[in-house]
Amino acid sequence: MIEIEYKSEFLEVSYDSGNSWVISKWTSNTSYLTVDQYKREVEAARKVFIDHQPVFGNLSLNQDFYFVVDPEMQEWVNQQFEEYLPSKSAIVVASEFVAQLSIEQTVESMDVAICYFDNEQEAREWLTDQTKASKV
């Protein structure tokens, strides 16, 4: 069962209890995000990870993510999630190149298996295949 845990004009975070996943879906309004707003969104997502401690995965739907995360903020995001991420993260890529690059730089030092996808269906299939937990 999927339940919405947090929703704003920028981000929707749900918990899928059947799969023990957190699903984060960014909206196109991220093109208007300020640094302070982005921090609040990350903190709200972090709370869902803390509250539910997902076992099998993180599904990050970034196809509408337009905010560029600078290097200082990338480090801050890493610190927020370093003890709370499950072993696998499937990321649906942002359509905007610079935003996608900043996402990749943000997660590259996280100690989880990460794989990037063009669509949500492939990302979900990868998360459900527990035998493919190798870092990509």
Protein backbone atom coordinates (compact mmCIF):
# COMPACT_ATOMS: atom_id res chain seq x y z
CA MET A 1 0.00 0.00 0.00
CA ILE A 2 1.35 3.41 -0.96
CA GLU A 3 0.63 6.34 1.34
CA ILE A 4 1.58 9.95 0.78
CA GLU A 5 3.66 11.11 3.74
CA TYR A 6 4.53 14.63 2.56
CA LYS A 7 3.35 16.87 -0.25
CA SER A 8 4.25 20.40 -1.29
CA GLU A 9 4.31 22.34 -4.53
CA PHE A 10 7.85 20.98 -5.11
CA LEU A 11 7.91 17.43 -3.78
CA GLU A 12 5.70 14.47 -2.96
CA VAL A 13 7.12 11.73 -0.74
CA SER A 14 5.29 8.43 -0.29
CA TYR A 15 5.95 5.20 1.53
CA ASP A 16 5.20 1.89 -0.17
CA SER A 17 4.76 -0.53 2.73
CA GLY A 18 4.33 -3.53 0.41
CA ASN A 19 7.83 -3.07 -1.04
CA SER A 20 9.43 -1.16 1.86
CA TRP A 21 10.37 1.75 -0.44
CA VAL A 22 10.30 5.49 -0.16
CA ILE A 23 9.15 7.21 -3.36
CA SER A 24 10.15 10.82 -3.92
CA LYS A 25 8.62 12.69 -6.83
CA TRP A 26 9.84 16.19 -7.65
CA THR A 27 7.58 18.59 -9.56
CA SER A 28 8.41 21.05 -12.30
CA ASN A 29 7.97 23.84 -9.75
CA THR A 30 11.53 23.01 -8.65
CA SER A 31 12.66 25.53 -11.25
CA TYR A 32 11.47 28.17 -8.74
CA LEU A 33 13.04 26.64 -5.63
CA THR A 34 15.27 28.73 -3.41
CA VAL A 35 18.11 27.19 -1.40
CA ASP A 36 16.12 27.51 1.84
CA GLN A 37 13.07 25.88 0.28
CA TYR A 38 15.20 23.04 -1.09
CA LYS A 39 16.62 22.44 2.39
CA ARG A 40 13.09 22.23 3.84
CA GLU A 41 12.10 19.72 1.14
CA VAL A 42 15.16 17.56 1.83
CA GLU A 43 14.44 17.66 5.57
CA ALA A 44 10.83 16.58 4.93
CA ALA A 45 12.02 13.67 2.77
CA ARG A 46 14.59 12.71 5.40
CA LYS A 47 11.82 12.52 8.02
CA VAL A 48 9.99 9.91 5.91
CA PHE A 49 13.17 7.82 5.75
CA ILE A 50 13.63 8.12 9.52
CA ASP A 51 9.98 7.31 10.28
CA HIS A 52 9.74 4.26 8.01
CA GLN A 53 13.32 2.99 7.66
CA PRO A 54 12.71 1.42 4.22
CA VAL A 55 14.49 -1.89 3.80
CA PHE A 56 14.54 -2.46 0.06
CA GLY A 57 14.83 0.81 -1.73
CA ASN A 58 14.48 4.40 -2.65
CA LEU A 59 12.70 5.40 -5.85
CA SER A 60 13.57 8.96 -6.78
CA LEU A 61 11.48 10.36 -9.62
CA ASN A 62 13.47 13.33 -10.87
CA GLN A 63 12.20 13.72 -14.42
CA ASP A 64 10.71 17.12 -13.48
CA PHE A 65 13.58 18.25 -11.22
CA TYR A 66 15.07 21.57 -12.37
CA PHE A 67 16.90 22.89 -9.28
CA VAL A 68 20.69 22.83 -9.57
CA VAL A 69 22.28 21.56 -6.35
CA ASP A 70 25.59 23.34 -5.77
CA PRO A 71 28.60 21.44 -4.31
CA GLU A 72 28.14 22.81 -0.79
CA MET A 73 24.48 21.78 -0.79
CA GLN A 74 25.40 18.35 -2.23
CA GLU A 75 27.58 17.72 0.82
CA TRP A 76 24.80 18.88 3.14
CA VAL A 77 22.30 16.51 1.45
CA ASN A 78 24.73 13.60 1.87
CA GLN A 79 25.02 14.34 5.58
CA GLN A 80 21.23 14.37 5.94
CA PHE A 81 20.80 10.88 4.50
CA GLU A 82 24.02 9.07 5.35
CA GLU A 83 22.46 6.83 8.00
CA TYR A 84 18.95 6.52 6.59
CA LEU A 85 19.12 5.31 2.99
CA PRO A 86 18.33 1.70 2.12
CA SER A 87 20.85 -0.33 0.14
CA LYS A 88 19.38 0.48 -3.32
CA SER A 89 18.36 3.71 -4.98
CA ALA A 90 16.71 3.86 -8.38
CA ILE A 91 16.78 7.32 -9.91
CA VAL A 92 14.67 8.36 -12.87
CA VAL A 93 16.82 10.98 -14.54
CA ALA A 94 16.02 14.66 -14.76
CA SER A 95 15.32 15.96 -18.24
CA GLU A 96 17.45 19.05 -17.61
CA PHE A 97 21.16 18.18 -18.02
CA VAL A 98 22.70 20.46 -15.38
CA ALA A 99 20.10 19.46 -12.78
CA GLN A 100 20.77 15.78 -13.54
CA LEU A 101 24.51 16.29 -13.23
CA SER A 102 24.03 17.92 -9.83
CA ILE A 103 21.90 14.94 -8.72
CA GLU A 104 24.61 12.50 -9.82
CA GLN A 105 27.27 14.50 -7.99
CA THR A 106 25.09 14.58 -4.87
CA VAL A 107 24.61 10.81 -4.67
CA GLU A 108 27.99 9.59 -5.97
CA SER A 109 29.55 9.39 -2.50
CA MET A 110 26.55 7.72 -0.84
CA ASP A 111 27.17 4.14 0.22
CA VAL A 112 24.27 2.60 -1.72
CA ALA A 113 23.74 0.82 -5.02
CA ILE A 114 22.50 3.45 -7.45
CA CYS A 115 21.12 2.97 -10.92
CA TYR A 116 19.74 5.60 -13.31
CA PHE A 117 16.71 5.04 -15.51
CA ASP A 118 14.78 6.83 -18.24
CA ASN A 119 11.44 5.73 -16.90
CA GLU A 120 9.70 4.74 -13.69
CA GLN A 121 8.76 1.20 -14.77
CA GLU A 122 12.38 0.14 -15.35
CA ALA A 123 13.39 1.72 -12.05
CA ARG A 124 10.69 -0.21 -10.16
CA GLU A 125 11.70 -3.47 -11.85
CA TRP A 126 15.32 -2.96 -10.83
CA LEU A 127 14.35 -2.26 -7.23
CA THR A 128 12.27 -5.43 -7.04
CA ASP A 129 15.13 -7.54 -8.36
CA GLN A 130 17.12 -7.96 -5.15
CA THR A 131 19.83 -9.95 -6.95
CA LYS A 132 21.04 -6.86 -8.84
CA ALA A 133 22.21 -4.88 -5.83
CA SER A 134 25.53 -3.94 -7.37
CA LYS A 135 26.62 -0.34 -7.66
CA VAL A 136 26.21 1.03 -11.17
